[in-house]
Amino acid sequence: MTLAAARGFYKSDFINYLAVERNLSPRTVTEYERDLDCFLEFFKPYFAEELSLETLDQRTIREFLTHLKRDKGYSATALNRKIAVLRAYFLFLEREGYVERSPMIGIKSAKMGRPLPKVLSETEVKTLLGASNTENERNSRSRETILRDRAILEVFYATGMRISELVGLDVGSMNLEKGLVLVTGKGNKQRMVLLNESAIRSVAEYLGVRPRAEDRALFLNRFGRRFTVRGVEYLFSGYLRKSGIQKSACPHTMRHSFATHMLEHGSDLMTLKELLGHQSLSTTQIYTNISFQHMRETYRKSHPRDHFK
């Protein structure tokens, strides 16, 4: 089958496979589809030549990846996501008998150093959480909106949940009496996480003014519908500006900050792994590197020897 045909037939089959058999979230499926479109678009000039998928080999795949790196300036992280999508795509085609052999065999992931996650300090988090409590905010925005935003920020920091998990929360997900939240994570796997007293209080105050709506979502936008990921990102960036914090941060930074601060205050890795919903302990261990940096700074400031006169 030609690449032109693959753009429709093969792609639609693959997208259905991701959504149904692999049970990926709609957001992940959309990202896969976007990456696949990027790949097929690169070969669009060859459509008139009736080029088929079966003729694609490692050389043509590397030509595409080189184009992304050299001409588009893709980072190693972005390249590896494209590679992962193509591996899954051609493995699916091979399994279904559409191609004899995947051209991705032998294609290695781009080498990359694993950067340490960016975190906010405890003081910065405190400043951010208080950003909605200014007099100007009270005068210019509704009480419902202020309490909702405050609850969102408090739940982020109390639980370290992902942004997709937060917007997926329903009113029924919360057990404020026990301080528990039922979170649906990657692959629709569920876990229980804990709320601190500040988060419990903030959510309770928000629920007291939350408008009645058919949507069972916990956090509603101004149209009475479930908050979107983009909406939360916009909300977060607004409060980051208001707080005056001179640091690049996003909602996921709250997850990193939660994990780092928990370790700095004595949490063990296994507990943190379960709270974060990590599959592997090695994923959680990256936060020990950040915590060690904090320990080194504290040591240098606190040990008296270098301060002797």
C-alpha atoms as a PDB file:
ATOM      1  CA  MET A   1       0.000   0.000   0.000  1.00  0.00           C
ATOM      2  CA  THR A   2       1.238   3.502  -0.823  1.00  0.00           C
ATOM      3  CA  LEU A   3       2.164   6.134   1.733  1.00  0.00           C
ATOM      4  CA  ALA A   4      -0.754   8.238   0.523  1.00  0.00           C
ATOM      5  CA  ALA A   5      -3.136   5.416   1.396  1.00  0.00           C
ATOM      6  CA  ALA A   6      -1.305   4.786   4.664  1.00  0.00           C
ATOM      7  CA  ARG A   7      -2.090   8.338   5.707  1.00  0.00           C
ATOM      8  CA  GLY A   8      -5.721   7.322   6.003  1.00  0.00           C
ATOM      9  CA  PHE A   9      -6.135   3.562   6.277  1.00  0.00           C
ATOM     10  CA  TYR A  10      -3.122   2.527   8.318  1.00  0.00           C
ATOM     11  CA  LYS A  11      -3.289   5.562  10.563  1.00  0.00           C
ATOM     12  CA  SER A  12      -6.957   5.143  11.459  1.00  0.00           C
ATOM     13  CA  ASP A  13      -6.411   1.462  12.306  1.00  0.00           C
ATOM     14  CA  PHE A  14      -3.454   2.373  14.503  1.00  0.00           C
ATOM     15  CA  ILE A  15      -5.310   5.166  16.306  1.00  0.00           C
ATOM     16  CA  ASN A  16      -8.198   2.806  17.078  1.00  0.00           C
ATOM     17  CA  TYR A  17      -5.692   0.254  18.395  1.00  0.00           C
ATOM     18  CA  LEU A  18      -4.161   2.834  20.751  1.00  0.00           C
ATOM     19  CA  ALA A  19      -7.530   3.938  22.094  1.00  0.00           C
ATOM     20  CA  VAL A  20      -9.142   0.506  22.461  1.00  0.00           C
ATOM     21  CA  GLU A  21      -6.474  -2.178  22.935  1.00  0.00           C
ATOM     22  CA  ARG A  22      -3.807  -0.122  24.668  1.00  0.00           C
ATOM     23  CA  ASN A  23      -6.391   1.977  26.503  1.00  0.00           C
ATOM     24  CA  LEU A  24      -4.357   5.169  26.197  1.00  0.00           C
ATOM     25  CA  SER A  25      -5.867   8.459  27.300  1.00  0.00           C
ATOM     26  CA  PRO A  26      -7.448  10.712  24.633  1.00  0.00           C
ATOM     27  CA  ARG A  27      -4.648  13.229  25.159  1.00  0.00           C
ATOM     28  CA  THR A  28      -1.930  10.606  24.555  1.00  0.00           C
ATOM     29  CA  VAL A  29      -3.734   9.280  21.468  1.00  0.00           C
ATOM     30  CA  THR A  30      -3.901  12.829  20.090  1.00  0.00           C
ATOM     31  CA  GLU A  31      -0.150  13.274  20.666  1.00  0.00           C
ATOM     32  CA  TYR A  32       0.562   9.979  18.872  1.00  0.00           C
ATOM     33  CA  GLU A  33      -1.621  11.070  15.962  1.00  0.00           C
ATOM     34  CA  ARG A  34       0.149  14.426  15.731  1.00  0.00           C
ATOM     35  CA  ASP A  35       3.583  12.765  15.689  1.00  0.00           C
ATOM     36  CA  LEU A  36       2.448  10.293  13.040  1.00  0.00           C
ATOM     37  CA  ASP A  37       1.100  13.112  10.876  1.00  0.00           C
ATOM     38  CA  CYS A  38       4.492  14.813  11.138  1.00  0.00           C
ATOM     39  CA  PHE A  39       6.165  11.628   9.874  1.00  0.00           C
ATOM     40  CA  LEU A  40       3.758  11.093   6.964  1.00  0.00           C
ATOM     41  CA  GLU A  41       3.885  14.789   6.042  1.00  0.00           C
ATOM     42  CA  PHE A  42       7.663  14.528   5.598  1.00  0.00           C
ATOM     43  CA  PHE A  43       7.153  11.938   2.860  1.00  0.00           C
ATOM     44  CA  LYS A  44       4.283  13.795   1.172  1.00  0.00           C
ATOM     45  CA  PRO A  45       6.453  14.798  -1.845  1.00  0.00           C
ATOM     46  CA  TYR A  46       6.809  11.080  -2.598  1.00  0.00           C
ATOM     47  CA  PHE A  47       3.045  10.418  -2.708  1.00  0.00           C
ATOM     48  CA  ALA A  48       2.914  11.030  -6.461  1.00  0.00           C
ATOM     49  CA  GLU A  49       5.655   8.432  -6.932  1.00  0.00           C
ATOM     50  CA  GLU A  50       3.460   5.757  -5.350  1.00  0.00           C
ATOM     51  CA  LEU A  51       6.090   5.135  -2.673  1.00  0.00           C
ATOM     52  CA  SER A  52       4.929   2.362  -0.344  1.00  0.00           C
ATOM     53  CA  LEU A  53       5.460   1.769   3.353  1.00  0.00           C
ATOM     54  CA  GLU A  54       7.198  -1.486   2.511  1.00  0.00           C
ATOM     55  CA  THR A  55      10.029   0.439   0.827  1.00  0.00           C
ATOM     56  CA  LEU A  56      10.831   2.466   3.931  1.00  0.00           C
ATOM     57  CA  ASP A  57      14.052   1.315   5.572  1.00  0.00           C
ATOM     58  CA  GLN A  58      16.460   2.472   8.263  1.00  0.00           C
ATOM     59  CA  ARG A  59      18.038   4.952   5.866  1.00  0.00           C
ATOM     60  CA  THR A  60      14.761   6.750   5.166  1.00  0.00           C
ATOM     61  CA  ILE A  61      13.813   6.722   8.855  1.00  0.00           C
ATOM     62  CA  ARG A  62      17.180   8.256   9.753  1.00  0.00           C
ATOM     63  CA  GLU A  63      16.670  10.836   6.998  1.00  0.00           C
ATOM     64  CA  PHE A  64      13.432  11.884   8.707  1.00  0.00           C
ATOM     65  CA  LEU A  65      15.045  12.016  12.165  1.00  0.00           C
ATOM     66  CA  THR A  66      18.012  13.995  10.829  1.00  0.00           C
ATOM     67  CA  HIS A  67      15.573  16.477   9.291  1.00  0.00           C
ATOM     68  CA  LEU A  68      13.896  16.952  12.679  1.00  0.00           C
ATOM     69  CA  LYS A  69      17.192  17.483  14.492  1.00  0.00           C
ATOM     70  CA  ARG A  70      19.062  19.568  11.921  1.00  0.00           C
ATOM     71  CA  ASP A  71      16.285  21.554  10.230  1.00  0.00           C
ATOM     72  CA  LYS A  72      13.669  21.733  12.976  1.00  0.00           C
ATOM     73  CA  GLY A  73      15.997  21.917  15.983  1.00  0.00           C
ATOM     74  CA  TYR A  74      14.354  19.048  17.876  1.00  0.00           C
ATOM     75  CA  SER A  75      15.833  18.169  21.260  1.00  0.00           C
ATOM     76  CA  ALA A  76      16.801  14.615  22.204  1.00  0.00           C
ATOM     77  CA  THR A  77      13.623  14.361  24.277  1.00  0.00           C
ATOM     78  CA  ALA A  78      11.404  15.394  21.354  1.00  0.00           C
ATOM     79  CA  LEU A  79      13.250  13.054  18.980  1.00  0.00           C
ATOM     80  CA  ASN A  80      12.828  10.118  21.333  1.00  0.00           C
ATOM     81  CA  ARG A  81       9.085  10.694  21.510  1.00  0.00           C
ATOM     82  CA  LYS A  82       8.880  10.559  17.711  1.00  0.00           C
ATOM     83  CA  ILE A  83      11.001   7.385  17.721  1.00  0.00           C
ATOM     84  CA  ALA A  84       8.740   5.770  20.331  1.00  0.00           C
ATOM     85  CA  VAL A  85       5.633   6.560  18.270  1.00  0.00           C
ATOM     86  CA  LEU A  86       7.191   5.162  15.081  1.00  0.00           C
ATOM     87  CA  ARG A  87       8.281   2.000  16.878  1.00  0.00           C
ATOM     88  CA  ALA A  88       4.743   1.444  18.108  1.00  0.00           C
ATOM     89  CA  TYR A  89       3.298   2.247  14.668  1.00  0.00           C
ATOM     90  CA  PHE A  90       5.489  -0.117  12.674  1.00  0.00           C
ATOM     91  CA  LEU A  91       5.239  -2.849  15.298  1.00  0.00           C
ATOM     92  CA  PHE A  92       1.460  -2.625  14.905  1.00  0.00           C
ATOM     93  CA  LEU A  93       1.741  -2.786  11.098  1.00  0.00           C
ATOM     94  CA  GLU A  94       4.060  -5.793  11.345  1.00  0.00           C
ATOM     95  CA  ARG A  95       1.747  -7.565  13.780  1.00  0.00           C
ATOM     96  CA  GLU A  96      -1.243  -6.986  11.507  1.00  0.00           C
ATOM     97  CA  GLY A  97       0.666  -8.190   8.438  1.00  0.00           C
ATOM     98  CA  TYR A  98       0.696  -4.799   6.686  1.00  0.00           C
ATOM     99  CA  VAL A  99       4.505  -4.780   6.491  1.00  0.00           C
ATOM    100  CA  GLU A 100       6.899  -7.701   6.586  1.00  0.00           C
ATOM    101  CA  ARG A 101       9.472  -6.150   8.905  1.00  0.00           C
ATOM    102  CA  SER A 102       9.590  -2.955  10.942  1.00  0.00           C
ATOM    103  CA  PRO A 103      12.199  -0.471   9.660  1.00  0.00           C
ATOM    104  CA  MET A 104      12.596   0.744  13.248  1.00  0.00           C
ATOM    105  CA  ILE A 105      14.638  -2.330  14.166  1.00  0.00           C
ATOM    106  CA  GLY A 106      18.146  -1.031  14.792  1.00  0.00           C
ATOM    107  CA  ILE A 107      17.062   2.595  15.238  1.00  0.00           C
ATOM    108  CA  LYS A 108      18.386   3.689  18.626  1.00  0.00           C
ATOM    109  CA  SER A 109      17.019   6.397  20.855  1.00  0.00           C
ATOM    110  CA  ALA A 110      18.839   9.722  20.884  1.00  0.00           C
ATOM    111  CA  LYS A 111      21.386  10.002  23.663  1.00  0.00           C
ATOM    112  CA  MET A 112      20.443  12.446  26.348  1.00  0.00           C
ATOM    113  CA  GLY A 113      21.409  13.400  29.832  1.00  0.00           C
ATOM    114  CA  ARG A 114      18.564  13.212  32.283  1.00  0.00           C
ATOM    115  CA  PRO A 115      18.034  16.748  33.561  1.00  0.00           C
ATOM    116  CA  LEU A 116      16.986  17.230  37.134  1.00  0.00           C
ATOM    117  CA  PRO A 117      13.378  18.410  37.458  1.00  0.00           C
ATOM    118  CA  LYS A 118      12.881  22.083  38.241  1.00  0.00           C
ATOM    119  CA  VAL A 119      11.332  22.730  41.636  1.00  0.00           C
ATOM    120  CA  LEU A 120      10.022  25.657  43.629  1.00  0.00           C
ATOM    121  CA  SER A 121      11.413  26.251  47.092  1.00  0.00           C
ATOM    122  CA  GLU A 122       9.075  25.946  50.065  1.00  0.00           C
ATOM    123  CA  THR A 123       9.050  29.730  50.364  1.00  0.00           C
ATOM    124  CA  GLU A 124       8.130  30.090  46.687  1.00  0.00           C
ATOM    125  CA  VAL A 125       5.298  27.562  47.040  1.00  0.00           C
ATOM    126  CA  LYS A 126       3.968  29.485  50.041  1.00  0.00           C
ATOM    127  CA  THR A 127       4.083  32.694  48.004  1.00  0.00           C
ATOM    128  CA  LEU A 128       2.309  31.043  45.081  1.00  0.00           C
ATOM    129  CA  LEU A 129      -0.435  29.601  47.285  1.00  0.00           C
ATOM    130  CA  GLY A 130      -1.040  33.023  48.760  1.00  0.00           C
ATOM    131  CA  ALA A 131      -1.170  34.803  45.409  1.00  0.00           C
ATOM    132  CA  SER A 132      -4.968  34.567  45.157  1.00  0.00           C
ATOM    133  CA  ASN A 133      -5.524  36.113  48.577  1.00  0.00           C
ATOM    134  CA  THR A 134      -4.609  39.696  47.711  1.00  0.00           C
ATOM    135  CA  GLU A 135      -7.153  42.462  48.195  1.00  0.00           C
ATOM    136  CA  ASN A 136      -7.172  43.165  44.457  1.00  0.00           C
ATOM    137  CA  GLU A 137      -8.138  39.570  43.757  1.00  0.00           C
ATOM    138  CA  ARG A 138     -11.021  39.740  46.218  1.00  0.00           C
ATOM    139  CA  ASN A 139     -12.334  42.913  44.650  1.00  0.00           C
ATOM    140  CA  SER A 140     -11.998  41.909  41.002  1.00  0.00           C
ATOM    141  CA  ARG A 141     -13.004  38.249  40.984  1.00  0.00           C
ATOM    142  CA  SER A 142     -15.853  36.189  42.345  1.00  0.00           C
ATOM    143  CA  ARG A 143     -15.481  34.316  45.611  1.00  0.00           C
ATOM    144  CA  GLU A 144     -16.247  31.074  43.768  1.00  0.00           C
ATOM    145  CA  THR A 145     -13.364  31.582  41.315  1.00  0.00           C
ATOM    146  CA  ILE A 146     -10.874  32.527  44.028  1.00  0.00           C
ATOM    147  CA  LEU A 147     -11.777  29.510  46.175  1.00  0.00           C
ATOM    148  CA  ARG A 148     -11.636  27.195  43.163  1.00  0.00           C
ATOM    149  CA  ASP A 149      -8.202  28.435  42.131  1.00  0.00           C
ATOM    150  CA  ARG A 150      -6.902  28.196  45.678  1.00  0.00           C
ATOM    151  CA  ALA A 151      -8.212  24.625  45.950  1.00  0.00           C
ATOM    152  CA  ILE A 152      -6.536  23.657  42.667  1.00  0.00           C
ATOM    153  CA  LEU A 153      -3.147  24.958  43.823  1.00  0.00           C
ATOM    154  CA  GLU A 154      -3.507  23.367  47.267  1.00  0.00           C
ATOM    155  CA  VAL A 155      -4.469  19.967  45.811  1.00  0.00           C
ATOM    156  CA  PHE A 156      -1.523  20.107  43.402  1.00  0.00           C
ATOM    157  CA  TYR A 157       0.947  20.673  46.213  1.00  0.00           C
ATOM    158  CA  ALA A 158      -0.752  18.337  48.701  1.00  0.00           C
ATOM    159  CA  THR A 159      -0.804  15.347  46.353  1.00  0.00           C
ATOM    160  CA  GLY A 160       1.799  15.840  43.628  1.00  0.00           C
ATOM    161  CA  MET A 161      -0.701  14.508  41.107  1.00  0.00           C
ATOM    162  CA  ARG A 162      -0.324  15.055  37.379  1.00  0.00           C
ATOM    163  CA  ILE A 163      -2.316  17.819  35.702  1.00  0.00           C
ATOM    164  CA  SER A 164      -4.338  15.256  33.722  1.00  0.00           C
ATOM    165  CA  GLU A 165      -5.190  13.519  36.991  1.00  0.00           C
ATOM    166  CA  LEU A 166      -6.315  16.766  38.591  1.00  0.00           C
ATOM    167  CA  VAL A 167      -8.691  17.751  35.783  1.00  0.00           C
ATOM    168  CA  GLY A 168     -10.031  14.186  35.843  1.00  0.00           C
ATOM    169  CA  LEU A 169     -11.151  14.439  39.476  1.00  0.00           C
ATOM    170  CA  ASP A 170     -14.872  14.185  40.201  1.00  0.00           C
ATOM    171  CA  VAL A 171     -16.692  15.443  43.275  1.00  0.00           C
ATOM    172  CA  GLY A 172     -17.065  11.792  44.265  1.00  0.00           C
ATOM    173  CA  SER A 173     -13.279  11.323  44.117  1.00  0.00           C
ATOM    174  CA  MET A 174     -12.889  13.289  47.345  1.00  0.00           C
ATOM    175  CA  ASN A 175     -13.302  11.896  50.857  1.00  0.00           C
ATOM    176  CA  LEU A 176     -12.622  14.999  52.896  1.00  0.00           C
ATOM    177  CA  GLU A 177     -13.561  13.346  56.181  1.00  0.00           C
ATOM    178  CA  LYS A 178     -10.686  10.884  55.788  1.00  0.00           C
ATOM    179  CA  GLY A 179      -8.452  13.214  53.778  1.00  0.00           C
ATOM    180  CA  LEU A 180      -8.312  10.841  50.805  1.00  0.00           C
ATOM    181  CA  VAL A 181      -8.537  11.294  47.041  1.00  0.00           C
ATOM    182  CA  LEU A 182      -9.159   8.559  44.479  1.00  0.00           C
ATOM    183  CA  VAL A 183      -6.919   9.373  41.506  1.00  0.00           C
ATOM    184  CA  THR A 184      -7.137   7.805  38.055  1.00  0.00           C
ATOM    185  CA  GLY A 185      -3.635   7.821  36.592  1.00  0.00           C
ATOM    186  CA  LYS A 186      -1.891   6.561  33.476  1.00  0.00           C
ATOM    187  CA  GLY A 187      -3.538   3.561  31.862  1.00  0.00           C
ATOM    188  CA  ASN A 188      -6.669   4.198  33.965  1.00  0.00           C
ATOM    189  CA  LYS A 189      -4.867   2.790  37.018  1.00  0.00           C
ATOM    190  CA  GLN A 190      -6.344   4.059  40.253  1.00  0.00           C
ATOM    191  CA  ARG A 191      -4.593   4.929  43.499  1.00  0.00           C
ATOM    192  CA  MET A 192      -5.445   6.626  46.766  1.00  0.00           C
ATOM    193  CA  VAL A 193      -3.519   9.742  47.755  1.00  0.00           C
ATOM    194  CA  LEU A 194      -3.634  11.899  50.858  1.00  0.00           C
ATOM    195  CA  LEU A 195      -4.683  15.479  51.501  1.00  0.00           C
ATOM    196  CA  ASN A 196      -3.173  17.733  54.144  1.00  0.00           C
ATOM    197  CA  GLU A 197      -5.327  19.943  56.353  1.00  0.00           C
ATOM    198  CA  SER A 198      -4.825  23.035  54.191  1.00  0.00           C
ATOM    199  CA  ALA A 199      -5.992  21.206  51.075  1.00  0.00           C
ATOM    200  CA  ILE A 200      -8.985  19.672  52.884  1.00  0.00           C
ATOM    201  CA  ARG A 201     -10.030  23.108  54.102  1.00  0.00           C
ATOM    202  CA  SER A 202      -9.578  24.708  50.664  1.00  0.00           C
ATOM    203  CA  VAL A 203     -11.572  22.012  48.854  1.00  0.00           C
ATOM    204  CA  ALA A 204     -14.340  22.154  51.472  1.00  0.00           C
ATOM    205  CA  GLU A 205     -14.599  25.934  51.083  1.00  0.00           C
ATOM    206  CA  TYR A 206     -14.750  25.601  47.299  1.00  0.00           C
ATOM    207  CA  LEU A 207     -17.422  22.885  47.450  1.00  0.00           C
ATOM    208  CA  GLY A 208     -19.475  25.237  49.591  1.00  0.00           C
ATOM    209  CA  VAL A 209     -19.744  27.702  46.691  1.00  0.00           C
ATOM    210  CA  ARG A 210     -19.332  25.353  43.708  1.00  0.00           C
ATOM    211  CA  PRO A 211     -22.298  25.902  41.384  1.00  0.00           C
ATOM    212  CA  ARG A 212     -24.792  23.136  40.844  1.00  0.00           C
ATOM    213  CA  ALA A 213     -23.987  21.507  37.517  1.00  0.00           C
ATOM    214  CA  GLU A 214     -24.768  18.342  35.613  1.00  0.00           C
ATOM    215  CA  ASP A 215     -21.043  17.806  35.132  1.00  0.00           C
ATOM    216  CA  ARG A 216     -19.701  15.705  38.007  1.00  0.00           C
ATOM    217  CA  ALA A 217     -16.211  17.209  37.611  1.00  0.00           C
ATOM    218  CA  LEU A 218     -14.723  18.612  40.809  1.00  0.00           C
ATOM    219  CA  PHE A 219     -13.235  21.701  39.204  1.00  0.00           C
ATOM    220  CA  LEU A 220     -15.524  23.595  36.831  1.00  0.00           C
ATOM    221  CA  ASN A 221     -14.675  26.385  34.409  1.00  0.00           C
ATOM    222  CA  ARG A 222     -16.809  29.492  33.980  1.00  0.00           C
ATOM    223  CA  PHE A 223     -19.101  27.598  31.614  1.00  0.00           C
ATOM    224  CA  GLY A 224     -19.898  24.988  34.245  1.00  0.00           C
ATOM    225  CA  ARG A 225     -17.886  22.285  32.492  1.00  0.00           C
ATOM    226  CA  ARG A 226     -14.829  20.267  33.479  1.00  0.00           C
ATOM    227  CA  PHE A 227     -11.601  22.241  33.578  1.00  0.00           C
ATOM    228  CA  THR A 228      -9.219  21.431  30.737  1.00  0.00           C
ATOM    229  CA  VAL A 229      -5.462  20.890  30.952  1.00  0.00           C
ATOM    230  CA  ARG A 230      -4.913  24.098  29.002  1.00  0.00           C
ATOM    231  CA  GLY A 231      -7.211  25.981  31.360  1.00  0.00           C
ATOM    232  CA  VAL A 232      -5.231  24.870  34.413  1.00  0.00           C
ATOM    233  CA  GLU A 233      -1.953  25.765  32.690  1.00  0.00           C
ATOM    234  CA  TYR A 234      -3.313  29.261  31.996  1.00  0.00           C
ATOM    235  CA  LEU A 235      -4.523  29.597  35.591  1.00  0.00           C
ATOM    236  CA  PHE A 236      -1.142  28.514  36.964  1.00  0.00           C
ATOM    237  CA  SER A 237       0.855  30.891  34.772  1.00  0.00           C
ATOM    238  CA  GLY A 238      -1.383  33.758  35.903  1.00  0.00           C
ATOM    239  CA  TYR A 239      -0.743  33.107  39.584  1.00  0.00           C
ATOM    240  CA  LEU A 240       2.956  32.597  38.929  1.00  0.00           C
ATOM    241  CA  ARG A 241       3.091  36.115  37.470  1.00  0.00           C
ATOM    242  CA  LYS A 242       1.046  37.576  40.337  1.00  0.00           C
ATOM    243  CA  SER A 243       3.317  35.933  42.901  1.00  0.00           C
ATOM    244  CA  GLY A 244       6.371  37.659  41.446  1.00  0.00           C
ATOM    245  CA  ILE A 245       8.355  34.403  41.346  1.00  0.00           C
ATOM    246  CA  GLN A 246      11.183  34.873  38.860  1.00  0.00           C
ATOM    247  CA  LYS A 247      11.446  31.254  37.810  1.00  0.00           C
ATOM    248  CA  SER A 248      10.152  29.225  34.889  1.00  0.00           C
ATOM    249  CA  ALA A 249       7.476  26.865  36.211  1.00  0.00           C
ATOM    250  CA  CYS A 250       4.337  25.006  35.147  1.00  0.00           C
ATOM    251  CA  PRO A 251       1.736  22.847  36.925  1.00  0.00           C
ATOM    252  CA  HIS A 252       4.068  19.837  36.693  1.00  0.00           C
ATOM    253  CA  THR A 253       6.607  21.835  38.702  1.00  0.00           C
ATOM    254  CA  MET A 254       4.252  21.450  41.666  1.00  0.00           C
ATOM    255  CA  ARG A 255       4.553  17.666  41.306  1.00  0.00           C
ATOM    256  CA  HIS A 256       8.350  17.915  41.345  1.00  0.00           C
ATOM    257  CA  SER A 257       8.226  20.323  44.287  1.00  0.00           C
ATOM    258  CA  PHE A 258       5.909  18.019  46.243  1.00  0.00           C
ATOM    259  CA  ALA A 259       8.236  15.041  45.737  1.00  0.00           C
ATOM    260  CA  THR A 260      11.397  16.966  46.581  1.00  0.00           C
ATOM    261  CA  HIS A 261       9.971  18.597  49.704  1.00  0.00           C
ATOM    262  CA  MET A 262       8.587  15.257  50.931  1.00  0.00           C
ATOM    263  CA  LEU A 263      12.061  13.699  50.689  1.00  0.00           C
ATOM    264  CA  GLU A 264      13.678  16.692  52.370  1.00  0.00           C
ATOM    265  CA  HIS A 265      11.302  16.228  55.292  1.00  0.00           C
ATOM    266  CA  GLY A 266      11.988  12.518  55.722  1.00  0.00           C
ATOM    267  CA  SER A 267       9.639  10.626  53.389  1.00  0.00           C
ATOM    268  CA  ASP A 268      10.905   7.235  52.217  1.00  0.00           C
ATOM    269  CA  LEU A 269      11.114   6.435  48.510  1.00  0.00           C
ATOM    270  CA  MET A 270       8.568   3.594  48.525  1.00  0.00           C
ATOM    271  CA  THR A 271       5.863   5.787  50.061  1.00  0.00           C
ATOM    272  CA  LEU A 272       6.659   8.566  47.603  1.00  0.00           C
ATOM    273  CA  LYS A 273       6.553   6.110  44.687  1.00  0.00           C
ATOM    274  CA  GLU A 274       3.019   5.053  45.613  1.00  0.00           C
ATOM    275  CA  LEU A 275       1.821   8.619  46.132  1.00  0.00           C
ATOM    276  CA  LEU A 276       3.190   9.706  42.751  1.00  0.00           C
ATOM    277  CA  GLY A 277       1.851   6.644  40.940  1.00  0.00           C
ATOM    278  CA  HIS A 278       5.234   5.664  39.502  1.00  0.00           C
ATOM    279  CA  GLN A 279       5.595   2.207  37.971  1.00  0.00           C
ATOM    280  CA  SER A 280       9.277   1.958  38.816  1.00  0.00           C
ATOM    281  CA  LEU A 281      11.236   3.056  41.871  1.00  0.00           C
ATOM    282  CA  SER A 282      14.027   4.258  39.567  1.00  0.00           C
ATOM    283  CA  THR A 283      11.692   7.011  38.324  1.00  0.00           C
ATOM    284  CA  THR A 284      11.194   8.226  41.885  1.00  0.00           C
ATOM    285  CA  GLN A 285      14.912   8.078  42.679  1.00  0.00           C
ATOM    286  CA  ILE A 286      15.675  11.107  40.512  1.00  0.00           C
ATOM    287  CA  TYR A 287      14.286  13.250  43.335  1.00  0.00           C
ATOM    288  CA  THR A 288      17.005  11.996  45.676  1.00  0.00           C
ATOM    289  CA  ASN A 289      19.512  13.899  43.506  1.00  0.00           C
ATOM    290  CA  ILE A 290      17.611  17.147  44.024  1.00  0.00           C
ATOM    291  CA  SER A 291      17.242  16.436  47.725  1.00  0.00           C
ATOM    292  CA  PHE A 292      21.003  15.812  47.946  1.00  0.00           C
ATOM    293  CA  GLN A 293      21.636  19.248  46.456  1.00  0.00           C
ATOM    294  CA  HIS A 294      19.452  20.739  49.183  1.00  0.00           C
ATOM    295  CA  MET A 295      21.360  18.738  51.803  1.00  0.00           C
ATOM    296  CA  ARG A 296      24.700  19.998  50.438  1.00  0.00           C
ATOM    297  CA  GLU A 297      23.539  23.631  50.537  1.00  0.00           C
ATOM    298  CA  THR A 298      22.222  23.216  54.081  1.00  0.00           C
ATOM    299  CA  TYR A 299      25.501  21.606  55.138  1.00  0.00           C
ATOM    300  CA  ARG A 300      27.579  24.443  53.710  1.00  0.00           C
ATOM    301  CA  LYS A 301      25.434  27.068  55.411  1.00  0.00           C
ATOM    302  CA  SER A 302      25.184  25.263  58.739  1.00  0.00           C
ATOM    303  CA  HIS A 303      28.551  23.620  59.413  1.00  0.00           C
ATOM    304  CA  PRO A 304      30.625  26.080  61.475  1.00  0.00           C
ATOM    305  CA  ARG A 305      34.120  25.022  60.387  1.00  0.00           C
ATOM    306  CA  ASP A 306      34.290  27.181  57.253  1.00  0.00           C
ATOM    307  CA  HIS A 307      33.029  30.138  59.249  1.00  0.00           C
ATOM    308  CA  PHE A 308      35.782  30.008  61.887  1.00  0.00           C
ATOM    309  CA  LYS A 309      37.872  33.143  61.999  1.00  0.00           C
END
